[in-house]
Amino acid sequence: MRDVAKSANAGFAQVGVDFPPPIGGLLKRSFDIAGSVAGLILLSPLFLMVALLVKLSDNGPIFYGHKRIGRGGRIFSCLKFRTMVTDGERVLAAYLAANPEANAEWIATR
């Protein structure tokens, strides 16, 4: 995944986009952090319930982590609740093998 991100980052840098500086300075940054902490505290019971439901659904991992490209082409780690099945490539291959119509549609959209 890192090679993909590097190649995407390299292509992005070649465009030569000049980003404006962030707006707001220290006061906005402080407000953003305080709001984020308050939001995390208020939503933590919901996050806990979602994590429990994901874990109980199929006993797989709760979170899915991957790399994304952010402002200025910087690569950062993104962590989110897992919404897909564990071992999705194998499940997809089995489904497509058992359903020729779905396989034809899958091939046509690639």
PDB file of N, CA and C in Angstrom:
ATOM      1  N   MET A   1       0.825  -1.184   0.000  1.00  0.00           N
ATOM      2  CA  MET A   1       0.000   0.000   0.000  1.00  0.00           C
ATOM      3  C   MET A   1       0.871   1.249   0.000  1.00  0.00           C
ATOM      4  N   ARG A   2       1.996   1.191   0.656  1.00  0.00           N
ATOM      5  CA  ARG A   2       2.870   2.352   0.733  1.00  0.00           C
ATOM      6  C   ARG A   2       3.384   2.745  -0.649  1.00  0.00           C
ATOM      7  N   ASP A   3       3.682   1.746  -1.531  1.00  0.00           N
ATOM      8  CA  ASP A   3       4.146   2.052  -2.880  1.00  0.00           C
ATOM      9  C   ASP A   3       3.080   2.776  -3.672  1.00  0.00           C
ATOM     10  N   VAL A   4       1.818   2.357  -3.501  1.00  0.00           N
ATOM     11  CA  VAL A   4       0.718   3.022  -4.194  1.00  0.00           C
ATOM     12  C   VAL A   4       0.616   4.466  -3.729  1.00  0.00           C
ATOM     13  N   ALA A   5       0.703   4.654  -2.411  1.00  0.00           N
ATOM     14  CA  ALA A   5       0.613   6.001  -1.874  1.00  0.00           C
ATOM     15  C   ALA A   5       1.787   6.855  -2.349  1.00  0.00           C
ATOM     16  N   LYS A   6       2.979   6.273  -2.403  1.00  0.00           N
ATOM     17  CA  LYS A   6       4.128   7.030  -2.875  1.00  0.00           C
ATOM     18  C   LYS A   6       3.960   7.438  -4.330  1.00  0.00           C
ATOM     19  N   SER A   7       3.481   6.505  -5.166  1.00  0.00           N
ATOM     20  CA  SER A   7       3.319   6.844  -6.575  1.00  0.00           C
ATOM     21  C   SER A   7       2.228   7.881  -6.742  1.00  0.00           C
ATOM     22  N   ALA A   8       1.148   7.784  -5.951  1.00  0.00           N
ATOM     23  CA  ALA A   8       0.097   8.788  -6.029  1.00  0.00           C
ATOM     24  C   ALA A   8       0.621  10.135  -5.540  1.00  0.00           C
ATOM     25  N   ASN A   9       1.417  10.103  -4.502  1.00  0.00           N
ATOM     26  CA  ASN A   9       1.991  11.323  -3.962  1.00  0.00           C
ATOM     27  C   ASN A   9       2.943  11.957  -4.975  1.00  0.00           C
ATOM     28  N   ALA A  10       3.743  11.137  -5.642  1.00  0.00           N
ATOM     29  CA  ALA A  10       4.695  11.650  -6.624  1.00  0.00           C
ATOM     30  C   ALA A  10       3.952  12.297  -7.784  1.00  0.00           C
ATOM     31  N   GLY A  11       2.881  11.660  -8.257  1.00  0.00           N
ATOM     32  CA  GLY A  11       2.094  12.234  -9.346  1.00  0.00           C
ATOM     33  C   GLY A  11       1.432  13.529  -8.924  1.00  0.00           C
ATOM     34  N   PHE A  12       1.006  13.580  -7.694  1.00  0.00           N
ATOM     35  CA  PHE A  12       0.352  14.768  -7.165  1.00  0.00           C
ATOM     36  C   PHE A  12       1.327  15.934  -7.092  1.00  0.00           C
ATOM     37  N   ALA A  13       2.538  15.642  -6.644  1.00  0.00           N
ATOM     38  CA  ALA A  13       3.548  16.692  -6.508  1.00  0.00           C
ATOM     39  C   ALA A  13       3.944  17.254  -7.869  1.00  0.00           C
ATOM     40  N   GLN A  14       3.848  16.437  -8.925  1.00  0.00           N
ATOM     41  CA  GLN A  14       4.227  16.897 -10.247  1.00  0.00           C
ATOM     42  C   GLN A  14       3.256  17.931 -10.801  1.00  0.00           C
ATOM     43  N   VAL A  15       2.038  17.938 -10.288  1.00  0.00           N
ATOM     44  CA  VAL A  15       1.051  18.901 -10.750  1.00  0.00           C
ATOM     45  C   VAL A  15       1.487  20.313 -10.379  1.00  0.00           C
ATOM     46  N   GLY A  16       2.184  20.448  -9.264  1.00  0.00           N
ATOM     47  CA  GLY A  16       2.690  21.748  -8.845  1.00  0.00           C
ATOM     48  C   GLY A  16       1.627  22.626  -8.210  1.00  0.00           C
ATOM     49  N   VAL A  17       0.679  22.036  -7.501  1.00  0.00           N
ATOM     50  CA  VAL A  17      -0.372  22.792  -6.841  1.00  0.00           C
ATOM     51  C   VAL A  17       0.225  23.495  -5.628  1.00  0.00           C
ATOM     52  N   ASP A  18      -0.022  24.768  -5.512  1.00  0.00           N
ATOM     53  CA  ASP A  18       0.471  25.544  -4.384  1.00  0.00           C
ATOM     54  C   ASP A  18      -0.697  25.767  -3.427  1.00  0.00           C
ATOM     55  N   PHE A  19      -0.635  25.176  -2.223  1.00  0.00           N
ATOM     56  CA  PHE A  19      -1.725  25.280  -1.278  1.00  0.00           C
ATOM     57  C   PHE A  19      -1.613  26.559  -0.472  1.00  0.00           C
ATOM     58  N   PRO A  20      -2.738  27.226  -0.234  1.00  0.00           N
ATOM     59  CA  PRO A  20      -2.698  28.410   0.631  1.00  0.00           C
ATOM     60  C   PRO A  20      -2.464  27.976   2.074  1.00  0.00           C
ATOM     61  N   PRO A  21      -1.962  28.872   2.905  1.00  0.00           N
ATOM     62  CA  PRO A  21      -1.745  28.501   4.313  1.00  0.00           C
ATOM     63  C   PRO A  21      -3.082  28.239   5.007  1.00  0.00           C
ATOM     64  N   PRO A  22      -3.076  27.433   6.074  1.00  0.00           N
ATOM     65  CA  PRO A  22      -4.311  27.186   6.816  1.00  0.00           C
ATOM     66  C   PRO A  22      -4.898  28.483   7.364  1.00  0.00           C
ATOM     67  N   ILE A  23      -6.217  28.505   7.494  1.00  0.00           N
ATOM     68  CA  ILE A  23      -6.917  29.707   7.952  1.00  0.00           C
ATOM     69  C   ILE A  23      -7.109  29.640   9.464  1.00  0.00           C
ATOM     70  N   GLY A  24      -6.931  30.751  10.163  1.00  0.00           N
ATOM     71  CA  GLY A  24      -7.339  30.849  11.549  1.00  0.00           C
ATOM     72  C   GLY A  24      -6.246  30.881  12.583  1.00  0.00           C
ATOM     73  N   GLY A  25      -5.151  30.248  12.348  1.00  0.00           N
ATOM     74  CA  GLY A  25      -4.057  30.281  13.303  1.00  0.00           C
ATOM     75  C   GLY A  25      -4.322  29.515  14.580  1.00  0.00           C
ATOM     76  N   LEU A  26      -3.687  29.968  15.659  1.00  0.00           N
ATOM     77  CA  LEU A  26      -3.698  29.264  16.943  1.00  0.00           C
ATOM     78  C   LEU A  26      -5.086  29.205  17.570  1.00  0.00           C
ATOM     79  N   LEU A  27      -5.866  30.268  17.468  1.00  0.00           N
ATOM     80  CA  LEU A  27      -7.193  30.289  18.068  1.00  0.00           C
ATOM     81  C   LEU A  27      -8.098  29.237  17.417  1.00  0.00           C
ATOM     82  N   LYS A  28      -8.087  29.161  16.107  1.00  0.00           N
ATOM     83  CA  LYS A  28      -8.907  28.165  15.406  1.00  0.00           C
ATOM     84  C   LYS A  28      -8.421  26.762  15.723  1.00  0.00           C
ATOM     85  N   ARG A  29      -7.121  26.563  15.752  1.00  0.00           N
ATOM     86  CA  ARG A  29      -6.564  25.243  16.061  1.00  0.00           C
ATOM     87  C   ARG A  29      -6.997  24.801  17.458  1.00  0.00           C
ATOM     88  N   SER A  30      -6.958  25.704  18.434  1.00  0.00           N
ATOM     89  CA  SER A  30      -7.389  25.396  19.800  1.00  0.00           C
ATOM     90  C   SER A  30      -8.867  25.037  19.831  1.00  0.00           C
ATOM     91  N   PHE A  31      -9.690  25.800  19.104  1.00  0.00           N
ATOM     92  CA  PHE A  31     -11.117  25.518  19.027  1.00  0.00           C
ATOM     93  C   PHE A  31     -11.369  24.152  18.391  1.00  0.00           C
ATOM     94  N   ASP A  32     -10.640  23.833  17.317  1.00  0.00           N
ATOM     95  CA  ASP A  32     -10.790  22.545  16.646  1.00  0.00           C
ATOM     96  C   ASP A  32     -10.457  21.381  17.575  1.00  0.00           C
ATOM     97  N   ILE A  33      -9.371  21.509  18.324  1.00  0.00           N
ATOM     98  CA  ILE A  33      -8.963  20.441  19.240  1.00  0.00           C
ATOM     99  C   ILE A  33      -9.976  20.290  20.375  1.00  0.00           C
ATOM    100  N   ALA A  34     -10.409  21.396  20.960  1.00  0.00           N
ATOM    101  CA  ALA A  34     -11.393  21.338  22.053  1.00  0.00           C
ATOM    102  C   ALA A  34     -12.710  20.737  21.566  1.00  0.00           C
ATOM    103  N   GLY A  35     -13.153  21.125  20.389  1.00  0.00           N
ATOM    104  CA  GLY A  35     -14.389  20.569  19.833  1.00  0.00           C
ATOM    105  C   GLY A  35     -14.266  19.090  19.531  1.00  0.00           C
ATOM    106  N   SER A  36     -13.114  18.685  19.046  1.00  0.00           N
ATOM    107  CA  SER A  36     -12.891  17.264  18.754  1.00  0.00           C
ATOM    108  C   SER A  36     -12.892  16.425  20.023  1.00  0.00           C
ATOM    109  N   VAL A  37     -12.235  16.911  21.046  1.00  0.00           N
ATOM    110  CA  VAL A  37     -12.198  16.181  22.328  1.00  0.00           C
ATOM    111  C   VAL A  37     -13.610  16.087  22.910  1.00  0.00           C
ATOM    112  N   ALA A  38     -14.357  17.184  22.880  1.00  0.00           N
ATOM    113  CA  ALA A  38     -15.727  17.170  23.396  1.00  0.00           C
ATOM    114  C   ALA A  38     -16.601  16.202  22.586  1.00  0.00           C
ATOM    115  N   GLY A  39     -16.442  16.215  21.269  1.00  0.00           N
ATOM    116  CA  GLY A  39     -17.204  15.301  20.420  1.00  0.00           C
ATOM    117  C   GLY A  39     -16.878  13.847  20.698  1.00  0.00           C
ATOM    118  N   LEU A  40     -15.597  13.558  20.884  1.00  0.00           N
ATOM    119  CA  LEU A  40     -15.192  12.183  21.202  1.00  0.00           C
ATOM    120  C   LEU A  40     -15.776  11.714  22.526  1.00  0.00           C
ATOM    121  N   ILE A  41     -15.768  12.599  23.516  1.00  0.00           N
ATOM    122  CA  ILE A  41     -16.320  12.242  24.824  1.00  0.00           C
ATOM    123  C   ILE A  41     -17.832  12.012  24.725  1.00  0.00           C
ATOM    124  N   LEU A  42     -18.528  12.912  24.037  1.00  0.00           N
ATOM    125  CA  LEU A  42     -19.984  12.783  23.915  1.00  0.00           C
ATOM    126  C   LEU A  42     -20.390  11.560  23.095  1.00  0.00           C
ATOM    127  N   LEU A  43     -19.624  11.224  22.079  1.00  0.00           N
ATOM    128  CA  LEU A  43     -19.972  10.115  21.200  1.00  0.00           C
ATOM    129  C   LEU A  43     -19.353   8.784  21.612  1.00  0.00           C
ATOM    130  N   SER A  44     -18.544   8.772  22.665  1.00  0.00           N
ATOM    131  CA  SER A  44     -17.865   7.536  23.057  1.00  0.00           C
ATOM    132  C   SER A  44     -18.824   6.383  23.374  1.00  0.00           C
ATOM    133  N   PRO A  45     -20.001   6.621  24.003  1.00  0.00           N
ATOM    134  CA  PRO A  45     -20.912   5.478  24.197  1.00  0.00           C
ATOM    135  C   PRO A  45     -21.380   4.876  22.865  1.00  0.00           C
ATOM    136  N   LEU A  46     -21.638   5.711  21.879  1.00  0.00           N
ATOM    137  CA  LEU A  46     -22.032   5.224  20.564  1.00  0.00           C
ATOM    138  C   LEU A  46     -20.891   4.454  19.907  1.00  0.00           C
ATOM    139  N   PHE A  47     -19.674   4.987  19.993  1.00  0.00           N
ATOM    140  CA  PHE A  47     -18.505   4.304  19.421  1.00  0.00           C
ATOM    141  C   PHE A  47     -18.302   2.939  20.081  1.00  0.00           C
ATOM    142  N   LEU A  48     -18.486   2.875  21.384  1.00  0.00           N
ATOM    143  CA  LEU A  48     -18.332   1.615  22.108  1.00  0.00           C
ATOM    144  C   LEU A  48     -19.377   0.591  21.654  1.00  0.00           C
ATOM    145  N   MET A  49     -20.609   1.059  21.457  1.00  0.00           N
ATOM    146  CA  MET A  49     -21.671   0.163  20.998  1.00  0.00           C
ATOM    147  C   MET A  49     -21.392  -0.346  19.574  1.00  0.00           C
ATOM    148  N   VAL A  50     -20.943   0.530  18.692  1.00  0.00           N
ATOM    149  CA  VAL A  50     -20.610   0.122  17.326  1.00  0.00           C
ATOM    150  C   VAL A  50     -19.456  -0.876  17.343  1.00  0.00           C
ATOM    151  N   ALA A  51     -18.433  -0.618  18.144  1.00  0.00           N
ATOM    152  CA  ALA A  51     -17.291  -1.536  18.236  1.00  0.00           C
ATOM    153  C   ALA A  51     -17.743  -2.908  18.722  1.00  0.00           C
ATOM    154  N   LEU A  52     -18.625  -2.931  19.704  1.00  0.00           N
ATOM    155  CA  LEU A  52     -19.134  -4.196  20.225  1.00  0.00           C
ATOM    156  C   LEU A  52     -19.937  -4.941  19.160  1.00  0.00           C
ATOM    157  N   LEU A  53     -20.786  -4.233  18.426  1.00  0.00           N
ATOM    158  CA  LEU A  53     -21.575  -4.865  17.369  1.00  0.00           C
ATOM    159  C   LEU A  53     -20.702  -5.412  16.245  1.00  0.00           C
ATOM    160  N   VAL A  54     -19.660  -4.668  15.866  1.00  0.00           N
ATOM    161  CA  VAL A  54     -18.751  -5.146  14.821  1.00  0.00           C
ATOM    162  C   VAL A  54     -18.048  -6.413  15.294  1.00  0.00           C
ATOM    163  N   LYS A  55     -17.583  -6.414  16.519  1.00  0.00           N
ATOM    164  CA  LYS A  55     -16.863  -7.578  17.058  1.00  0.00           C
ATOM    165  C   LYS A  55     -17.774  -8.798  17.163  1.00  0.00           C
ATOM    166  N   LEU A  56     -19.006  -8.588  17.599  1.00  0.00           N
ATOM    167  CA  LEU A  56     -19.933  -9.698  17.767  1.00  0.00           C
ATOM    168  C   LEU A  56     -20.487 -10.210  16.437  1.00  0.00           C
ATOM    169  N   SER A  57     -20.440  -9.391  15.393  1.00  0.00           N
ATOM    170  CA  SER A  57     -21.030  -9.794  14.113  1.00  0.00           C
ATOM    171  C   SER A  57     -20.304 -10.975  13.486  1.00  0.00           C
ATOM    172  N   ASP A  58     -18.974 -10.982  13.527  1.00  0.00           N
ATOM    173  CA  ASP A  58     -18.240 -12.113  12.941  1.00  0.00           C
ATOM    174  C   ASP A  58     -16.902 -12.370  13.612  1.00  0.00           C
ATOM    175  N   ASN A  59     -16.677 -11.776  14.765  1.00  0.00           N
ATOM    176  CA  ASN A  59     -15.473 -11.992  15.563  1.00  0.00           C
ATOM    177  C   ASN A  59     -14.193 -11.564  14.844  1.00  0.00           C
ATOM    178  N   GLY A  60     -14.304 -10.733  13.816  1.00  0.00           N
ATOM    179  CA  GLY A  60     -13.127 -10.216  13.125  1.00  0.00           C
ATOM    180  C   GLY A  60     -12.607  -8.972  13.819  1.00  0.00           C
ATOM    181  N   PRO A  61     -11.646  -8.306  13.206  1.00  0.00           N
ATOM    182  CA  PRO A  61     -11.110  -7.081  13.804  1.00  0.00           C
ATOM    183  C   PRO A  61     -12.159  -5.964  13.814  1.00  0.00           C
ATOM    184  N   ILE A  62     -12.071  -5.079  14.776  1.00  0.00           N
ATOM    185  CA  ILE A  62     -13.030  -3.982  14.908  1.00  0.00           C
ATOM    186  C   ILE A  62     -12.702  -2.858  13.937  1.00  0.00           C
ATOM    187  N   PHE A  63     -11.421  -2.571  13.787  1.00  0.00           N
ATOM    188  CA  PHE A  63     -11.002  -1.433  12.971  1.00  0.00           C
ATOM    189  C   PHE A  63     -10.346  -1.860  11.666  1.00  0.00           C
ATOM    190  N   TYR A  64     -10.424  -0.992  10.684  1.00  0.00           N
ATOM    191  CA  TYR A  64      -9.739  -1.149   9.403  1.00  0.00           C
ATOM    192  C   TYR A  64      -8.831   0.069   9.243  1.00  0.00           C
ATOM    193  N   GLY A  65      -7.558  -0.162   9.034  1.00  0.00           N
ATOM    194  CA  GLY A  65      -6.616   0.932   8.890  1.00  0.00           C
ATOM    195  C   GLY A  65      -5.959   0.919   7.521  1.00  0.00           C
ATOM    196  N   HIS A  66      -5.751   2.094   6.969  1.00  0.00           N
ATOM    197  CA  HIS A  66      -5.064   2.218   5.687  1.00  0.00           C
ATOM    198  C   HIS A  66      -4.451   3.615   5.575  1.00  0.00           C
ATOM    199  N   LYS A  67      -3.721   3.839   4.524  1.00  0.00           N
ATOM    200  CA  LYS A  67      -3.063   5.126   4.308  1.00  0.00           C
ATOM    201  C   LYS A  67      -3.869   5.949   3.309  1.00  0.00           C
ATOM    202  N   ARG A  68      -3.908   7.261   3.518  1.00  0.00           N
ATOM    203  CA  ARG A  68      -4.557   8.194   2.599  1.00  0.00           C
ATOM    204  C   ARG A  68      -3.618   9.353   2.330  1.00  0.00           C
ATOM    205  N   ILE A  69      -3.908  10.060   1.264  1.00  0.00           N
ATOM    206  CA  ILE A  69      -3.111  11.231   0.918  1.00  0.00           C
ATOM    207  C   ILE A  69      -3.884  12.468   1.340  1.00  0.00           C
ATOM    208  N   GLY A  70      -3.230  13.332   2.114  1.00  0.00           N
ATOM    209  CA  GLY A  70      -3.886  14.521   2.647  1.00  0.00           C
ATOM    210  C   GLY A  70      -3.356  15.795   2.031  1.00  0.00           C
ATOM    211  N   ARG A  71      -3.558  16.876   2.727  1.00  0.00           N
ATOM    212  CA  ARG A  71      -3.166  18.206   2.283  1.00  0.00           C
ATOM    213  C   ARG A  71      -1.677  18.248   1.956  1.00  0.00           C
ATOM    214  N   GLY A  72      -1.367  18.798   0.814  1.00  0.00           N
ATOM    215  CA  GLY A  72       0.018  18.916   0.403  1.00  0.00           C
ATOM    216  C   GLY A  72       0.651  17.598  -0.008  1.00  0.00           C
ATOM    217  N   GLY A  73      -0.172  16.558  -0.211  1.00  0.00           N
ATOM    218  CA  GLY A  73       0.364  15.271  -0.618  1.00  0.00           C
ATOM    219  C   GLY A  73       0.941  14.447   0.519  1.00  0.00           C
ATOM    220  N   ARG A  74       0.737  14.903   1.762  1.00  0.00           N
ATOM    221  CA  ARG A  74       1.258  14.146   2.903  1.00  0.00           C
ATOM    222  C   ARG A  74       0.426  12.893   3.122  1.00  0.00           C
ATOM    223  N   ILE A  75       1.082  11.798   3.428  1.00  0.00           N
ATOM    224  CA  ILE A  75       0.416  10.528   3.670  1.00  0.00           C
ATOM    225  C   ILE A  75       0.130  10.414   5.161  1.00  0.00           C
ATOM    226  N   PHE A  76      -1.125  10.014   5.499  1.00  0.00           N
ATOM    227  CA  PHE A  76      -1.475   9.838   6.896  1.00  0.00           C
ATOM    228  C   PHE A  76      -2.240   8.537   7.074  1.00  0.00           C
ATOM    229  N   SER A  77      -2.236   8.030   8.292  1.00  0.00           N
ATOM    230  CA  SER A  77      -2.954   6.792   8.605  1.00  0.00           C
ATOM    231  C   SER A  77      -4.403   7.120   8.916  1.00  0.00           C
ATOM    232  N   CYS A  78      -5.305   6.334   8.354  1.00  0.00           N
ATOM    233  CA  CYS A  78      -6.733   6.501   8.573  1.00  0.00           C
ATOM    234  C   CYS A  78      -7.245   5.237   9.250  1.00  0.00           C
ATOM    235  N   LEU A  79      -7.956   5.390  10.331  1.00  0.00           N
ATOM    236  CA  LEU A  79      -8.495   4.261  11.076  1.00  0.00           C
ATOM    237  C   LEU A  79     -10.005   4.434  11.146  1.00  0.00           C
ATOM    238  N   LYS A  80     -10.748   3.392  10.772  1.00  0.00           N
ATOM    239  CA  LYS A  80     -12.208   3.475  10.818  1.00  0.00           C
ATOM    240  C   LYS A  80     -12.791   2.130  11.206  1.00  0.00           C
ATOM    241  N   PHE A  81     -14.072   2.151  11.588  1.00  0.00           N
ATOM    242  CA  PHE A  81     -14.734   0.897  11.924  1.00  0.00           C
ATOM    243  C   PHE A  81     -14.827   0.033  10.677  1.00  0.00           C
ATOM    244  N   ARG A  82     -14.583  -1.260  10.848  1.00  0.00           N
ATOM    245  CA  ARG A  82     -14.643  -2.189   9.724  1.00  0.00           C
ATOM    246  C   ARG A  82     -16.099  -2.425   9.362  1.00  0.00           C
ATOM    247  N   THR A  83     -16.431  -2.236   8.075  1.00  0.00           N
ATOM    248  CA  THR A  83     -17.793  -2.477   7.606  1.00  0.00           C
ATOM    249  C   THR A  83     -17.842  -3.602   6.582  1.00  0.00           C
ATOM    250  N   MET A  84     -16.704  -4.155   6.224  1.00  0.00           N
ATOM    251  CA  MET A  84     -16.677  -5.234   5.242  1.00  0.00           C
ATOM    252  C   MET A  84     -16.388  -6.563   5.931  1.00  0.00           C
ATOM    253  N   VAL A  85     -16.602  -7.630   5.201  1.00  0.00           N
ATOM    254  CA  VAL A  85     -16.345  -8.946   5.764  1.00  0.00           C
ATOM    255  C   VAL A  85     -14.847  -9.182   5.876  1.00  0.00           C
ATOM    256  N   THR A  86     -14.475 -10.037   6.799  1.00  0.00           N
ATOM    257  CA  THR A  86     -13.075 -10.426   6.923  1.00  0.00           C
ATOM    258  C   THR A  86     -12.720 -11.306   5.729  1.00  0.00           C
ATOM    259  N   ASP A  87     -11.524 -11.132   5.179  1.00  0.00           N
ATOM    260  CA  ASP A  87     -11.051 -11.899   4.029  1.00  0.00           C
ATOM    261  C   ASP A  87     -11.960 -11.677   2.817  1.00  0.00           C
ATOM    262  N   GLY A  88     -12.232 -10.416   2.520  1.00  0.00           N
ATOM    263  CA  GLY A  88     -13.164 -10.031   1.473  1.00  0.00           C
ATOM    264  C   GLY A  88     -12.795 -10.507   0.072  1.00  0.00           C
ATOM    265  N   GLU A  89     -11.510 -10.572  -0.246  1.00  0.00           N
ATOM    266  CA  GLU A  89     -11.101 -11.017  -1.581  1.00  0.00           C
ATOM    267  C   GLU A  89     -11.523 -12.465  -1.828  1.00  0.00           C
ATOM    268  N   ARG A  90     -11.352 -13.310  -0.829  1.00  0.00           N
ATOM    269  CA  ARG A  90     -11.746 -14.711  -0.964  1.00  0.00           C
ATOM    270  C   ARG A  90     -13.263 -14.837  -1.077  1.00  0.00           C
ATOM    271  N   VAL A  91     -14.006 -14.071  -0.268  1.00  0.00           N
ATOM    272  CA  VAL A  91     -15.468 -14.106  -0.304  1.00  0.00           C
ATOM    273  C   VAL A  91     -15.978 -13.631  -1.661  1.00  0.00           C
ATOM    274  N   LEU A  92     -15.374 -12.566  -2.192  1.00  0.00           N
ATOM    275  CA  LEU A  92     -15.771 -12.057  -3.500  1.00  0.00           C
ATOM    276  C   LEU A  92     -15.502 -13.084  -4.597  1.00  0.00           C
ATOM    277  N   ALA A  93     -14.344 -13.707  -4.572  1.00  0.00           N
ATOM    278  CA  ALA A  93     -14.004 -14.706  -5.586  1.00  0.00           C
ATOM    279  C   ALA A  93     -14.984 -15.882  -5.556  1.00  0.00           C
ATOM    280  N   ALA A  94     -15.354 -16.332  -4.368  1.00  0.00           N
ATOM    281  CA  ALA A  94     -16.308 -17.436  -4.243  1.00  0.00           C
ATOM    282  C   ALA A  94     -17.682 -17.023  -4.759  1.00  0.00           C
ATOM    283  N   TYR A  95     -18.089 -15.791  -4.447  1.00  0.00           N
ATOM    284  CA  TYR A  95     -19.392 -15.296  -4.907  1.00  0.00           C
ATOM    285  C   TYR A  95     -19.420 -15.186  -6.429  1.00  0.00           C
ATOM    286  N   LEU A  96     -18.380 -14.620  -7.007  1.00  0.00           N
ATOM    287  CA  LEU A  96     -18.336 -14.464  -8.463  1.00  0.00           C
ATOM    288  C   LEU A  96     -18.267 -15.812  -9.174  1.00  0.00           C
ATOM    289  N   ALA A  97     -17.598 -16.786  -8.570  1.00  0.00           N
ATOM    290  CA  ALA A  97     -17.525 -18.119  -9.162  1.00  0.00           C
ATOM    291  C   ALA A  97     -18.895 -18.800  -9.153  1.00  0.00           C
ATOM    292  N   ALA A  98     -19.700 -18.528  -8.132  1.00  0.00           N
ATOM    293  CA  ALA A  98     -21.017 -19.156  -8.010  1.00  0.00           C
ATOM    294  C   ALA A  98     -22.111 -18.405  -8.772  1.00  0.00           C
ATOM    295  N   ASN A  99     -21.842 -17.165  -9.205  1.00  0.00           N
ATOM    296  CA  ASN A  99     -22.856 -16.342  -9.869  1.00  0.00           C
ATOM    297  C   ASN A  99     -22.309 -15.776 -11.173  1.00  0.00           C
ATOM    298  N   PRO A 100     -22.521 -16.464 -12.293  1.00  0.00           N
ATOM    299  CA  PRO A 100     -21.964 -16.019 -13.568  1.00  0.00           C
ATOM    300  C   PRO A 100     -22.446 -14.638 -14.005  1.00  0.00           C
ATOM    301  N   GLU A 101     -23.707 -14.294 -13.697  1.00  0.00           N
ATOM    302  CA  GLU A 101     -24.215 -12.965 -14.082  1.00  0.00           C
ATOM    303  C   GLU A 101     -23.467 -11.862 -13.322  1.00  0.00           C
ATOM    304  N   ALA A 102     -23.267 -12.086 -12.050  1.00  0.00           N
ATOM    305  CA  ALA A 102     -22.528 -11.118 -11.241  1.00  0.00           C
ATOM    306  C   ALA A 102     -21.079 -11.026 -11.701  1.00  0.00           C
ATOM    307  N   ASN A 103     -20.494 -12.156 -12.090  1.00  0.00           N
ATOM    308  CA  ASN A 103     -19.119 -12.167 -12.586  1.00  0.00           C
ATOM    309  C   ASN A 103     -19.008 -11.354 -13.876  1.00  0.00           C
ATOM    310  N   ALA A 104     -19.975 -11.522 -14.785  1.00  0.00           N
ATOM    311  CA  ALA A 104     -19.960 -10.754 -16.035  1.00  0.00           C
ATOM    312  C   ALA A 104     -20.096  -9.254 -15.762  1.00  0.00           C
ATOM    313  N   GLU A 105     -20.966  -8.904 -14.825  1.00  0.00           N
ATOM    314  CA  GLU A 105     -21.134  -7.489 -14.467  1.00  0.00           C
ATOM    315  C   GLU A 105     -19.846  -6.942 -13.832  1.00  0.00           C
ATOM    316  N   TRP A 106     -19.213  -7.748 -12.975  1.00  0.00           N
ATOM    317  CA  TRP A 106     -17.967  -7.338 -12.319  1.00  0.00           C
ATOM    318  C   TRP A 106     -16.886  -7.072 -13.362  1.00  0.00           C
ATOM    319  N   ILE A 107     -16.774  -7.965 -14.330  1.00  0.00           N
ATOM    320  CA  ILE A 107     -15.754  -7.805 -15.384  1.00  0.00           C
ATOM    321  C   ILE A 107     -16.062  -6.584 -16.234  1.00  0.00           C
ATOM    322  N   ALA A 108     -17.330  -6.352 -16.526  1.00  0.00           N
ATOM    323  CA  ALA A 108     -17.715  -5.222 -17.388  1.00  0.00           C
ATOM    324  C   ALA A 108     -17.448  -3.863 -16.728  1.00  0.00           C
ATOM    325  N   THR A 109     -17.513  -3.807 -15.413  1.00  0.00           N
ATOM    326  CA  THR A 109     -17.324  -2.526 -14.715  1.00  0.00           C
ATOM    327  C   THR A 109     -15.872  -2.236 -14.365  1.00  0.00           C
ATOM    328  N   ARG A 110     -14.970  -3.164 -14.621  1.00  0.00           N
ATOM    329  CA  ARG A 110     -13.560  -2.937 -14.271  1.00  0.00           C
ATOM    330  C   ARG A 110     -12.845  -2.256 -15.361  1.00  0.00           C
TER     331      ARG A 110
END
